PDB file of N, CA and C in Angstrom:
ATOM      1  N   MET A   1     108.407  20.536-108.248  1.00  0.00           N
ATOM      2  CA  MET A   1     108.186  19.540-107.233  1.00  0.00           C
ATOM      3  C   MET A   1     109.255  18.453-107.267  1.00  0.00           C
ATOM      4  N   SER A   2     109.885  18.250-108.395  1.00  0.00           N
ATOM      5  CA  SER A   2     110.878  17.180-108.451  1.00  0.00           C
ATOM      6  C   SER A   2     112.162  17.558-107.721  1.00  0.00           C
ATOM      7  N   HIS A   3     112.413  18.835-107.489  1.00  0.00           N
ATOM      8  CA  HIS A   3     113.626  19.243-106.798  1.00  0.00           C
ATOM      9  C   HIS A   3     113.735  18.616-105.404  1.00  0.00           C
ATOM     10  N   PRO A   4     112.706  18.681-104.554  1.00  0.00           N
ATOM     11  CA  PRO A   4     112.829  18.016-103.247  1.00  0.00           C
ATOM     12  C   PRO A   4     113.022  16.509-103.385  1.00  0.00           C
ATOM     13  N   LEU A   5     112.399  15.906-104.400  1.00  0.00           N
ATOM     14  CA  LEU A   5     112.588  14.470-104.603  1.00  0.00           C
ATOM     15  C   LEU A   5     114.016  14.166-105.026  1.00  0.00           C
ATOM     16  N   ASP A   6     114.616  15.044-105.836  1.00  0.00           N
ATOM     17  CA  ASP A   6     116.019  14.846-106.204  1.00  0.00           C
ATOM     18  C   ASP A   6     116.918  14.930-104.972  1.00  0.00           C
ATOM     19  N   ASP A   7     116.587  15.833-104.050  1.00  0.00           N
ATOM     20  CA  ASP A   7     117.356  15.918-102.802  1.00  0.00           C
ATOM     21  C   ASP A   7     117.231  14.624-102.010  1.00  0.00           C
ATOM     22  N   VAL A   8     116.024  14.091-101.941  1.00  0.00           N
ATOM     23  CA  VAL A   8     115.802  12.826-101.228  1.00  0.00           C
ATOM     24  C   VAL A   8     116.591  11.719-101.910  1.00  0.00           C
ATOM     25  N   LEU A   9     116.630  11.727-103.242  1.00  0.00           N
ATOM     26  CA  LEU A   9     117.366  10.702-103.975  1.00  0.00           C
ATOM     27  C   LEU A   9     118.841  10.689-103.589  1.00  0.00           C
ATOM     28  N   GLY A  10     119.397  11.855-103.291  1.00  0.00           N
ATOM     29  CA  GLY A  10     120.792  11.916-102.873  1.00  0.00           C
ATOM     30  C   GLY A  10     121.026  11.415-101.464  1.00  0.00           C
ATOM     31  N   LEU A  11     119.957  11.198-100.712  1.00  0.00           N
ATOM     32  CA  LEU A  11     120.099  10.802 -99.311  1.00  0.00           C
ATOM     33  C   LEU A  11     119.685   9.367 -99.012  1.00  0.00           C
ATOM     34  N   VAL A  12     118.966   8.720 -99.940  1.00  0.00           N
ATOM     35  CA  VAL A  12     118.461   7.378 -99.645  1.00  0.00           C
ATOM     36  C   VAL A  12     119.537   6.327 -99.906  1.00  0.00           C
ATOM     37  N   ASP A  13     119.412   5.221 -99.192  1.00  0.00           N
ATOM     38  CA  ASP A  13     120.297   4.067 -99.368  1.00  0.00           C
ATOM     39  C   ASP A  13     119.445   2.858 -99.699  1.00  0.00           C
ATOM     40  N   GLY A  14     120.018   1.938-100.409  1.00  0.00           N
ATOM     41  CA  GLY A  14     119.325   0.705-100.730  1.00  0.00           C
ATOM     42  C   GLY A  14     118.699   0.758-102.109  1.00  0.00           C
ATOM     43  N   LEU A  15     118.730  -0.360-102.787  1.00  0.00           N
ATOM     44  CA  LEU A  15     118.257  -0.446-104.164  1.00  0.00           C
ATOM     45  C   LEU A  15     116.776  -0.103-104.298  1.00  0.00           C
ATOM     46  N   VAL A  16     115.947  -0.663-103.440  1.00  0.00           N
ATOM     47  CA  VAL A  16     114.500  -0.428-103.544  1.00  0.00           C
ATOM     48  C   VAL A  16     114.175   1.046-103.306  1.00  0.00           C
ATOM     49  N   SER A  17     114.814   1.665-102.347  1.00  0.00           N
ATOM     50  CA  SER A  17     114.579   3.080-102.058  1.00  0.00           C
ATOM     51  C   SER A  17     115.007   3.962-103.229  1.00  0.00           C
ATOM     52  N   VAL A  18     116.163   3.677-103.797  1.00  0.00           N
ATOM     53  CA  VAL A  18     116.663   4.467-104.920  1.00  0.00           C
ATOM     54  C   VAL A  18     115.738   4.321-106.122  1.00  0.00           C
ATOM     55  N   VAL A  19     115.312   3.104-106.421  1.00  0.00           N
ATOM     56  CA  VAL A  19     114.408   2.884-107.559  1.00  0.00           C
ATOM     57  C   VAL A  19     113.068   3.579-107.323  1.00  0.00           C
ATOM     58  N   THR A  20     112.547   3.517-106.106  1.00  0.00           N
ATOM     59  CA  THR A  20     111.271   4.149-105.797  1.00  0.00           C
ATOM     60  C   THR A  20     111.338   5.663-105.944  1.00  0.00           C
ATOM     61  N   VAL A  21     112.346   6.270-105.356  1.00  0.00           N
ATOM     62  CA  VAL A  21     112.473   7.731-105.428  1.00  0.00           C
ATOM     63  C   VAL A  21     112.799   8.167-106.856  1.00  0.00           C
ATOM     64  N   SER A  22     113.616   7.413-107.573  1.00  0.00           N
ATOM     65  CA  SER A  22     113.920   7.740-108.974  1.00  0.00           C
ATOM     66  C   SER A  22     112.643   7.706-109.818  1.00  0.00           C
ATOM     67  N   THR A  23     111.822   6.702-109.592  1.00  0.00           N
ATOM     68  CA  THR A  23     110.561   6.591-110.329  1.00  0.00           C
ATOM     69  C   THR A  23     109.675   7.795-110.052  1.00  0.00           C
ATOM     70  N   LEU A  24     109.594   8.218-108.803  1.00  0.00           N
ATOM     71  CA  LEU A  24     108.814   9.408-108.470  1.00  0.00           C
ATOM     72  C   LEU A  24     109.389  10.659-109.137  1.00  0.00           C
ATOM     73  N   CYS A  25     110.716  10.793-109.133  1.00  0.00           N
ATOM     74  CA  CYS A  25     111.359  11.952-109.772  1.00  0.00           C
ATOM     75  C   CYS A  25     111.031  12.015-111.257  1.00  0.00           C
ATOM     76  N   PHE A  26     111.205  10.900-111.947  1.00  0.00           N
ATOM     77  CA  PHE A  26     110.933  10.885-113.384  1.00  0.00           C
ATOM     78  C   PHE A  26     109.457  11.113-113.665  1.00  0.00           C
ATOM     79  N   GLY A  27     108.592  10.562-112.820  1.00  0.00           N
ATOM     80  CA  GLY A  27     107.152  10.766-112.999  1.00  0.00           C
ATOM     81  C   GLY A  27     106.753  12.219-112.849  1.00  0.00           C
ATOM     82  N   VAL A  28     107.275  12.883-111.824  1.00  0.00           N
ATOM     83  CA  VAL A  28     106.952  14.295-111.607  1.00  0.00           C
ATOM     84  C   VAL A  28     107.504  15.152-112.746  1.00  0.00           C
ATOM     85  N   MET A  29     108.738  14.863-113.180  1.00  0.00           N
ATOM     86  CA  MET A  29     109.306  15.651-114.273  1.00  0.00           C
ATOM     87  C   MET A  29     108.537  15.429-115.573  1.00  0.00           C
ATOM     88  N   ASP A  30     108.019  14.218-115.795  1.00  0.00           N
ATOM     89  CA  ASP A  30     107.236  13.958-117.002  1.00  0.00           C
ATOM     90  C   ASP A  30     105.895  14.677-116.998  1.00  0.00           C
ATOM     91  N   LEU A  31     105.416  15.073-115.833  1.00  0.00           N
ATOM     92  CA  LEU A  31     104.156  15.817-115.774  1.00  0.00           C
ATOM     93  C   LEU A  31     104.286  17.197-116.408  1.00  0.00           C
ATOM     94  N   MET A  32     105.497  17.728-116.471  1.00  0.00           N
ATOM     95  CA  MET A  32     105.679  19.057-117.050  1.00  0.00           C
ATOM     96  C   MET A  32     105.891  19.019-118.554  1.00  0.00           C
ATOM     97  N   LEU A  33     106.142  17.863-119.134  1.00  0.00           N
ATOM     98  CA  LEU A  33     106.441  17.792-120.562  1.00  0.00           C
ATOM     99  C   LEU A  33     105.326  18.326-121.459  1.00  0.00           C
ATOM    100  N   PRO A  34     104.058  18.000-121.230  1.00  0.00           N
ATOM    101  CA  PRO A  34     103.022  18.576-122.095  1.00  0.00           C
ATOM    102  C   PRO A  34     103.010  20.106-122.054  1.00  0.00           C
ATOM    103  N   ALA A  35     103.262  20.678-120.884  1.00  0.00           N
ATOM    104  CA  ALA A  35     103.300  22.145-120.773  1.00  0.00           C
ATOM    105  C   ALA A  35     104.490  22.710-121.538  1.00  0.00           C
ATOM    106  N   ALA A  36     105.624  22.030-121.509  1.00  0.00           N
ATOM    107  CA  ALA A  36     106.809  22.508-122.232  1.00  0.00           C
ATOM    108  C   ALA A  36     106.577  22.478-123.739  1.00  0.00           C
ATOM    109  N   TRP A  37     105.992  21.393-124.241  1.00  0.00           N
ATOM    110  CA  TRP A  37     105.711  21.316-125.679  1.00  0.00           C
ATOM    111  C   TRP A  37     104.681  22.361-126.087  1.00  0.00           C
ATOM    112  N   ALA A  38     103.651  22.546-125.266  1.00  0.00           N
ATOM    113  CA  ALA A  38     102.629  23.554-125.574  1.00  0.00           C
ATOM    114  C   ALA A  38     103.235  24.955-125.564  1.00  0.00           C
ATOM    115  N   MET A  39     104.128  25.217-124.632  1.00  0.00           N
ATOM    116  CA  MET A  39     104.790  26.521-124.572  1.00  0.00           C
ATOM    117  C   MET A  39     105.571  26.778-125.855  1.00  0.00           C
ATOM    118  N   CYS A  40     106.330  25.791-126.314  1.00  0.00           N
ATOM    119  CA  CYS A  40     107.105  25.961-127.546  1.00  0.00           C
ATOM    120  C   CYS A  40     106.202  26.192-128.744  1.00  0.00           C
ATOM    121  N   LEU A  41     105.125  25.446-128.843  1.00  0.00           N
ATOM    122  CA  LEU A  41     104.207  25.625-129.964  1.00  0.00           C
ATOM    123  C   LEU A  41     103.563  26.999-129.925  1.00  0.00           C
ATOM    124  N   ASN A  42     103.178  27.456-128.740  1.00  0.00           N
ATOM    125  CA  ASN A  42     102.547  28.761-128.601  1.00  0.00           C
ATOM    126  C   ASN A  42     103.529  29.886-128.905  1.00  0.00           C
ATOM    127  N   LEU A  43     104.724  29.797-128.370  1.00  0.00           N
ATOM    128  CA  LEU A  43     105.734  30.826-128.626  1.00  0.00           C
ATOM    129  C   LEU A  43     106.180  30.829-130.084  1.00  0.00           C
ATOM    130  N   GLY A  44     106.305  29.664-130.669  1.00  0.00           N
ATOM    131  CA  GLY A  44     106.791  29.567-132.042  1.00  0.00           C
ATOM    132  C   GLY A  44     105.780  29.993-133.083  1.00  0.00           C
ATOM    133  N   GLY A  45     104.497  29.918-132.752  1.00  0.00           N
ATOM    134  CA  GLY A  45     103.462  30.285-133.717  1.00  0.00           C
ATOM    135  C   GLY A  45     103.593  29.461-134.986  1.00  0.00           C
ATOM    136  N   SER A  46     103.766  30.137-136.119  1.00  0.00           N
ATOM    137  CA  SER A  46     103.897  29.428-137.387  1.00  0.00           C
ATOM    138  C   SER A  46     105.227  28.674-137.486  1.00  0.00           C
ATOM    139  N   CYS A  47     106.144  28.971-136.598  1.00  0.00           N
ATOM    140  CA  CYS A  47     107.433  28.266-136.541  1.00  0.00           C
ATOM    141  C   CYS A  47     107.493  27.356-135.311  1.00  0.00           C
ATOM    142  N   GLY A  48     106.334  26.854-134.894  1.00  0.00           N
ATOM    143  CA  GLY A  48     106.266  26.017-133.697  1.00  0.00           C
ATOM    144  C   GLY A  48     107.111  24.767-133.791  1.00  0.00           C
ATOM    145  N   GLY A  49     107.195  24.184-134.985  1.00  0.00           N
ATOM    146  CA  GLY A  49     108.030  23.003-135.170  1.00  0.00           C
ATOM    147  C   GLY A  49     109.499  23.306-134.921  1.00  0.00           C
ATOM    148  N   THR A  50     109.928  24.455-135.378  1.00  0.00           N
ATOM    149  CA  THR A  50     111.313  24.862-135.158  1.00  0.00           C
ATOM    150  C   THR A  50     111.575  25.098-133.677  1.00  0.00           C
ATOM    151  N   ALA A  51     110.624  25.746-133.006  1.00  0.00           N
ATOM    152  CA  ALA A  51     110.787  26.015-131.573  1.00  0.00           C
ATOM    153  C   ALA A  51     110.867  24.713-130.784  1.00  0.00           C
ATOM    154  N   THR A  52     110.026  23.739-131.123  1.00  0.00           N
ATOM    155  CA  THR A  52     110.078  22.465-130.403  1.00  0.00           C
ATOM    156  C   THR A  52     111.354  21.699-130.741  1.00  0.00           C
ATOM    157  N   ALA A  53     111.839  21.834-131.978  1.00  0.00           N
ATOM    158  CA  ALA A  53     113.092  21.167-132.354  1.00  0.00           C
ATOM    159  C   ALA A  53     114.265  21.748-131.582  1.00  0.00           C
ATOM    160  N   VAL A  54     114.271  23.060-131.396  1.00  0.00           N
ATOM    161  CA  VAL A  54     115.342  23.691-130.623  1.00  0.00           C
ATOM    162  C   VAL A  54     115.291  23.210-129.176  1.00  0.00           C
ATOM    163  N   MET A  55     114.077  23.153-128.600  1.00  0.00           N
ATOM    164  CA  MET A  55     113.943  22.677-127.225  1.00  0.00           C
ATOM    165  C   MET A  55     114.413  21.221-127.106  1.00  0.00           C
ATOM    166  N   ASN A  56     114.010  20.394-128.047  1.00  0.00           N
ATOM    167  CA  ASN A  56     114.384  18.987-128.020  1.00  0.00           C
ATOM    168  C   ASN A  56     115.895  18.817-128.165  1.00  0.00           C
ATOM    169  N   THR A  57     116.501  19.564-129.076  1.00  0.00           N
ATOM    170  CA  THR A  57     117.949  19.487-129.266  1.00  0.00           C
ATOM    171  C   THR A  57     118.693  19.935-128.016  1.00  0.00           C
ATOM    172  N   ALA A  58     118.259  21.052-127.423  1.00  0.00           N
ATOM    173  CA  ALA A  58     118.903  21.546-126.201  1.00  0.00           C
ATOM    174  C   ALA A  58     118.777  20.518-125.071  1.00  0.00           C
ATOM    175  N   GLY A  59     117.617  19.897-124.949  1.00  0.00           N
ATOM    176  CA  GLY A  59     117.425  18.883-123.912  1.00  0.00           C
ATOM    177  C   GLY A  59     118.318  17.669-124.113  1.00  0.00           C
ATOM    178  N   ASN A  60     118.449  17.226-125.367  1.00  0.00           N
ATOM    179  CA  ASN A  60     119.305  16.075-125.644  1.00  0.00           C
ATOM    180  C   ASN A  60     120.779  16.393-125.418  1.00  0.00           C
ATOM    181  N   LEU A  61     121.200  17.586-125.830  1.00  0.00           N
ATOM    182  CA  LEU A  61     122.590  17.973-125.573  1.00  0.00           C
ATOM    183  C   LEU A  61     122.856  18.110-124.074  1.00  0.00           C
ATOM    184  N   GLY A  62     121.889  18.654-123.341  1.00  0.00           N
ATOM    185  CA  GLY A  62     122.019  18.751-121.886  1.00  0.00           C
ATOM    186  C   GLY A  62     122.103  17.386-121.236  1.00  0.00           C
ATOM    187  N   GLY A  63     121.308  16.441-121.720  1.00  0.00           N
ATOM    188  CA  GLY A  63     121.363  15.082-121.192  1.00  0.00           C
ATOM    189  C   GLY A  63     122.701  14.414-121.456  1.00  0.00           C
ATOM    190  N   LEU A  64     123.249  14.639-122.644  1.00  0.00           N
ATOM    191  CA  LEU A  64     124.569  14.091-122.972  1.00  0.00           C
ATOM    192  C   LEU A  64     125.640  14.712-122.084  1.00  0.00           C
ATOM    193  N   LEU A  65     125.627  16.026-121.972  1.00  0.00           N
ATOM    194  CA  LEU A  65     126.615  16.723-121.149  1.00  0.00           C
ATOM    195  C   LEU A  65     126.495  16.315-119.678  1.00  0.00           C
ATOM    196  N   CYS A  66     125.270  16.158-119.206  1.00  0.00           N
ATOM    197  CA  CYS A  66     125.045  15.795-117.804  1.00  0.00           C
ATOM    198  C   CYS A  66     125.661  14.433-117.475  1.00  0.00           C
ATOM    199  N   THR A  67     125.519  13.473-118.372  1.00  0.00           N
ATOM    200  CA  THR A  67     126.067  12.147-118.083  1.00  0.00           C
ATOM    201  C   THR A  67     127.588  12.178-118.023  1.00  0.00           C
ATOM    202  N   VAL A  68     128.216  12.970-118.891  1.00  0.00           N
ATOM    203  CA  VAL A  68     129.682  13.069-118.890  1.00  0.00           C
ATOM    204  C   VAL A  68     130.160  13.769-117.616  1.00  0.00           C
ATOM    205  N   VAL A  69     129.527  14.900-117.291  1.00  0.00           N
ATOM    206  CA  VAL A  69     129.915  15.650-116.089  1.00  0.00           C
ATOM    207  C   VAL A  69     129.675  14.807-114.842  1.00  0.00           C
ATOM    208  N   PHE A  70     128.555  14.076-114.806  1.00  0.00           N
ATOM    209  CA  PHE A  70     128.230  13.202-113.675  1.00  0.00           C
ATOM    210  C   PHE A  70     129.393  12.245-113.404  1.00  0.00           C
ATOM    211  N   GLY A  71     129.897  11.608-114.459  1.00  0.00           N
ATOM    212  CA  GLY A  71     131.011  10.662-114.301  1.00  0.00           C
ATOM    213  C   GLY A  71     132.281  11.324-113.809  1.00  0.00           C
ATOM    214  N   TYR A  72     132.604  12.487-114.366  1.00  0.00           N
ATOM    215  CA  TYR A  72     133.824  13.181-113.936  1.00  0.00           C
ATOM    216  C   TYR A  72     133.737  13.646-112.489  1.00  0.00           C
ATOM    217  N   VAL A  73     132.557  14.112-112.072  1.00  0.00           N
ATOM    218  CA  VAL A  73     132.401  14.553-110.683  1.00  0.00           C
ATOM    219  C   VAL A  73     132.573  13.366-109.735  1.00  0.00           C
ATOM    220  N   ILE A  74     131.994  12.241-110.074  1.00  0.00           N
ATOM    221  CA  ILE A  74     132.137  11.056-109.221  1.00  0.00           C
ATOM    222  C   ILE A  74     133.594  10.591-109.190  1.00  0.00           C
ATOM    223  N   ARG A  75     134.255  10.612-110.337  1.00  0.00           N
ATOM    224  CA  ARG A  75     135.664  10.195-110.368  1.00  0.00           C
ATOM    225  C   ARG A  75     136.525  11.138-109.526  1.00  0.00           C
ATOM    226  N   ALA A  76     136.201  12.424-109.543  1.00  0.00           N
ATOM    227  CA  ALA A  76     137.013  13.406-108.819  1.00  0.00           C
ATOM    228  C   ALA A  76     136.877  13.292-107.310  1.00  0.00           C
ATOM    229  N   ASN A  77     135.661  12.987-106.822  1.00  0.00           N
ATOM    230  CA  ASN A  77     135.496  12.979-105.361  1.00  0.00           C
ATOM    231  C   ASN A  77     134.888  11.695-104.805  1.00  0.00           C
ATOM    232  N   GLY A  78     134.482  10.765-105.649  1.00  0.00           N
ATOM    233  CA  GLY A  78     133.939   9.499-105.180  1.00  0.00           C
ATOM    234  C   GLY A  78     132.568   9.595-104.530  1.00  0.00           C
ATOM    235  N   ASN A  79     131.930  10.730-104.650  1.00  0.00           N
ATOM    236  CA  ASN A  79     130.639  10.958-103.999  1.00  0.00           C
ATOM    237  C   ASN A  79     129.532  10.999-105.053  1.00  0.00           C
ATOM    238  N   TYR A  80     128.617  10.052-104.997  1.00  0.00           N
ATOM    239  CA  TYR A  80     127.505  10.009-105.943  1.00  0.00           C
ATOM    240  C   TYR A  80     126.434  11.051-105.623  1.00  0.00           C
ATOM    241  N   ASN A  81     126.403  11.549-104.407  1.00  0.00           N
ATOM    242  CA  ASN A  81     125.376  12.512-104.009  1.00  0.00           C
ATOM    243  C   ASN A  81     125.607  13.894-104.612  1.00  0.00           C
ATOM    244  N   LEU A  82     126.857  14.292-104.743  1.00  0.00           N
ATOM    245  CA  LEU A  82     127.153  15.636-105.239  1.00  0.00           C
ATOM    246  C   LEU A  82     126.549  15.895-106.618  1.00  0.00           C
ATOM    247  N   PRO A  83     126.719  15.009-107.607  1.00  0.00           N
ATOM    248  CA  PRO A  83     126.098  15.291-108.898  1.00  0.00           C
ATOM    249  C   PRO A  83     124.568  15.259-108.834  1.00  0.00           C
ATOM    250  N   LEU A  84     124.003  14.454-107.946  1.00  0.00           N
ATOM    251  CA  LEU A  84     122.543  14.442-107.804  1.00  0.00           C
ATOM    252  C   LEU A  84     122.041  15.776-107.269  1.00  0.00           C
ATOM    253  N   PHE A  85     122.769  16.360-106.324  1.00  0.00           N
ATOM    254  CA  PHE A  85     122.374  17.677-105.819  1.00  0.00           C
ATOM    255  C   PHE A  85     122.550  18.739-106.899  1.00  0.00           C
ATOM    256  N   GLY A  86     123.562  18.577-107.743  1.00  0.00           N
ATOM    257  CA  GLY A  86     123.742  19.499-108.870  1.00  0.00           C
ATOM    258  C   GLY A  86     122.581  19.427-109.841  1.00  0.00           C
ATOM    259  N   ILE A  87     122.128  18.220-110.148  1.00  0.00           N
ATOM    260  CA  ILE A  87     120.980  18.046-111.031  1.00  0.00           C
ATOM    261  C   ILE A  87     119.736  18.650-110.393  1.00  0.00           C
ATOM    262  N   ALA A  88     119.572  18.456-109.103  1.00  0.00           N
ATOM    263  CA  ALA A  88     118.421  19.043-108.399  1.00  0.00           C
ATOM    264  C   ALA A  88     118.449  20.565-108.500  1.00  0.00           C
ATOM    265  N   ALA A  89     119.626  21.157-108.385  1.00  0.00           N
ATOM    266  CA  ALA A  89     119.739  22.618-108.504  1.00  0.00           C
ATOM    267  C   ALA A  89     119.381  23.075-109.912  1.00  0.00           C
ATOM    268  N   VAL A  90     119.826  22.338-110.923  1.00  0.00           N
ATOM    269  CA  VAL A  90     119.505  22.691-112.306  1.00  0.00           C
ATOM    270  C   VAL A  90     117.997  22.576-112.551  1.00  0.00           C
ATOM    271  N   VAL A  91     117.375  21.551-112.010  1.00  0.00           N
ATOM    272  CA  VAL A  91     115.921  21.397-112.164  1.00  0.00           C
ATOM    273  C   VAL A  91     115.185  22.553-111.496  1.00  0.00           C
ATOM    274  N   LEU A  92     115.635  22.969-110.323  1.00  0.00           N
ATOM    275  CA  LEU A  92     115.002  24.093-109.635  1.00  0.00           C
ATOM    276  C   LEU A  92     115.166  25.388-110.436  1.00  0.00           C
ATOM    277  N   ILE A  93     116.361  25.643-110.932  1.00  0.00           N
ATOM    278  CA  ILE A  93     116.596  26.846-111.745  1.00  0.00           C
ATOM    279  C   ILE A  93     115.731  26.800-113.008  1.00  0.00           C
ATOM    280  N   SER A  94     115.660  25.637-113.642  1.00  0.00           N
ATOM    281  CA  SER A  94     114.831  25.495-114.839  1.00  0.00           C
ATOM    282  C   SER A  94     113.371  25.782-114.543  1.00  0.00           C
ATOM    283  N   ALA A  95     112.881  25.289-113.415  1.00  0.00           N
ATOM    284  CA  ALA A  95     111.486  25.538-113.041  1.00  0.00           C
ATOM    285  C   ALA A  95     111.236  27.024-112.817  1.00  0.00           C
ATOM    286  N   MET A  96     112.188  27.707-112.193  1.00  0.00           N
ATOM    287  CA  MET A  96     112.020  29.152-111.974  1.00  0.00           C
ATOM    288  C   MET A  96     112.025  29.903-113.305  1.00  0.00           C
ATOM    289  N   LEU A  97     112.922  29.542-114.214  1.00  0.00           N
ATOM    290  CA  LEU A  97     112.960  30.193-115.522  1.00  0.00           C
ATOM    291  C   LEU A  97     111.696  29.891-116.319  1.00  0.00           C
ATOM    292  N   PHE A  98     111.242  28.659-116.267  1.00  0.00           N
ATOM    293  CA  PHE A  98     110.035  28.244-116.986  1.00  0.00           C
ATOM    294  C   PHE A  98     108.825  29.034-116.507  1.00  0.00           C
ATOM    295  N   SER A  99     108.769  29.302-115.206  1.00  0.00           N
ATOM    296  CA  SER A  99     107.626  30.046-114.657  1.00  0.00           C
ATOM    297  C   SER A  99     107.629  31.513-115.077  1.00  0.00           C
ATOM    298  N   ARG A 100     108.750  32.018-115.558  1.00  0.00           N
ATOM    299  CA  ARG A 100     108.867  33.425-115.971  1.00  0.00           C
ATOM    300  C   ARG A 100     108.521  33.653-117.444  1.00  0.00           C
ATOM    301  N   VAL A 101     108.326  32.589-118.209  1.00  0.00           N
ATOM    302  CA  VAL A 101     108.051  32.729-119.638  1.00  0.00           C
ATOM    303  C   VAL A 101     106.610  33.204-119.834  1.00  0.00           C
ATOM    304  N   ASP A 102     106.444  34.241-120.654  1.00  0.00           N
ATOM    305  CA  ASP A 102     105.124  34.774-120.986  1.00  0.00           C
ATOM    306  C   ASP A 102     104.688  34.177-122.317  1.00  0.00           C
ATOM    307  N   CYS A 103     103.804  33.189-122.252  1.00  0.00           N
ATOM    308  CA  CYS A 103     103.362  32.502-123.461  1.00  0.00           C
ATOM    309  C   CYS A 103     102.272  33.260-124.212  1.00  0.00           C
ATOM    310  N   SER A 104     101.812  34.369-123.663  1.00  0.00           N
ATOM    311  CA  SER A 104     100.751  35.114-124.347  1.00  0.00           C
ATOM    312  C   SER A 104     101.293  35.875-125.553  1.00  0.00           C
ATOM    313  N   ARG A 105     102.608  36.013-125.648  1.00  0.00           N
ATOM    314  CA  ARG A 105     103.227  36.685-126.793  1.00  0.00           C
ATOM    315  C   ARG A 105     104.153  35.712-127.498  1.00  0.00           C
ATOM    316  N   GLY A 106     103.961  35.542-128.742  1.00  0.00           N
ATOM    317  CA  GLY A 106     104.836  34.663-129.509  1.00  0.00           C
ATOM    318  C   GLY A 106     106.130  35.352-129.880  1.00  0.00           C
ATOM    319  N   LEU A 107     107.022  34.612-130.475  1.00  0.00           N
ATOM    320  CA  LEU A 107     108.308  35.168-130.886  1.00  0.00           C
ATOM    321  C   LEU A 107     108.145  36.199-131.996  1.00  0.00           C
ATOM    322  N   SER A 108     107.118  36.070-132.812  1.00  0.00           N
ATOM    323  CA  SER A 108     106.915  37.002-133.918  1.00  0.00           C
ATOM    324  C   SER A 108     106.330  38.330-133.451  1.00  0.00           C
ATOM    325  N   GLN A 109     105.976  38.452-132.173  1.00  0.00           N
ATOM    326  CA  GLN A 109     105.378  39.674-131.651  1.00  0.00           C
ATOM    327  C   GLN A 109     106.375  40.502-130.859  1.00  0.00           C
ATOM    328  N   ARG A 110     107.648  40.312-131.103  1.00  0.00           N
ATOM    329  CA  ARG A 110     108.650  41.087-130.379  1.00  0.00           C
ATOM    330  C   ARG A 110     108.545  42.549-130.776  1.00  0.00           C
ATOM    331  N   GLU A 111     108.768  43.418-129.819  1.00  0.00           N
ATOM    332  CA  GLU A 111     108.669  44.847-130.070  1.00  0.00           C
ATOM    333  C   GLU A 111     109.963  45.442-130.599  1.00  0.00           C
ATOM    334  N   SER A 112     111.085  44.843-130.315  1.00  0.00           N
ATOM    335  CA  SER A 112     112.369  45.465-130.614  1.00  0.00           C
ATOM    336  C   SER A 112     113.077  44.851-131.823  1.00  0.00           C
ATOM    337  N   VAL A 113     112.322  44.448-132.828  1.00  0.00           N
ATOM    338  CA  VAL A 113     112.941  43.901-134.038  1.00  0.00           C
ATOM    339  C   VAL A 113     113.472  45.064-134.876  1.00  0.00           C
ATOM    340  N   PRO A 114     114.752  45.051-135.218  1.00  0.00           N
ATOM    341  CA  PRO A 114     115.295  46.129-136.049  1.00  0.00           C
ATOM    342  C   PRO A 114     114.551  46.238-137.372  1.00  0.00           C
ATOM    343  N   GLN A 115     114.440  47.437-137.901  1.00  0.00           N
ATOM    344  CA  GLN A 115     113.642  47.709-139.101  1.00  0.00           C
ATOM    345  C   GLN A 115     114.042  46.832-140.277  1.00  0.00           C
ATOM    346  N   GLY A 116     115.326  46.620-140.502  1.00  0.00           N
ATOM    347  CA  GLY A 116     115.776  45.837-141.633  1.00  0.00           C
ATOM    348  C   GLY A 116     115.538  44.347-141.508  1.00  0.00           C
ATOM    349  N   LEU A 117     115.207  43.873-140.304  1.00  0.00           N
ATOM    350  CA  LEU A 117     115.030  42.442-140.075  1.00  0.00           C
ATOM    351  C   LEU A 117     113.577  42.019-139.990  1.00  0.00           C
ATOM    352  N   LYS A 118     112.630  42.923-140.147  1.00  0.00           N
ATOM    353  CA  LYS A 118     111.217  42.577-140.040  1.00  0.00           C
ATOM    354  C   LYS A 118     110.814  41.660-141.192  1.00  0.00           C
ATOM    355  N   ALA A 119     109.947  40.710-140.880  1.00  0.00           N
ATOM    356  CA  ALA A 119     109.441  39.790-141.903  1.00  0.00           C
ATOM    357  C   ALA A 119     108.597  40.562-142.910  1.00  0.00           C
ATOM    358  N   ARG A 120     108.659  40.129-144.151  1.00  0.00           N
ATOM    359  CA  ARG A 120     107.880  40.817-145.197  1.00  0.00           C
ATOM    360  C   ARG A 120     106.659  40.047-145.542  1.00  0.00           C
TER     361      ARG A 120
END
């Protein structure tokens, strides 16, 4: 749901409008956080802490990379909307990938683990 709001954020003018739409975007994205943490814990099973740490690290690295790329894109073309539309596309792709995850099977229930790598 935040993808359409991100698109709107790229189109609004004025401080109050930008703050309002940004607040809605962050609020909608925060609604998915409990599901993301639960997914990691469920998939990780006895290694749930590790799974959540990997998710947290990937998110922080993505946030760092996004801020750097955001600045370079604006410097290259002077358009603040282009990076916002890029972020909206990434959020949409993430939502589609997230919806494809099967949480009923944990990581330890993989069928194709090579014989020499099975846990003892």
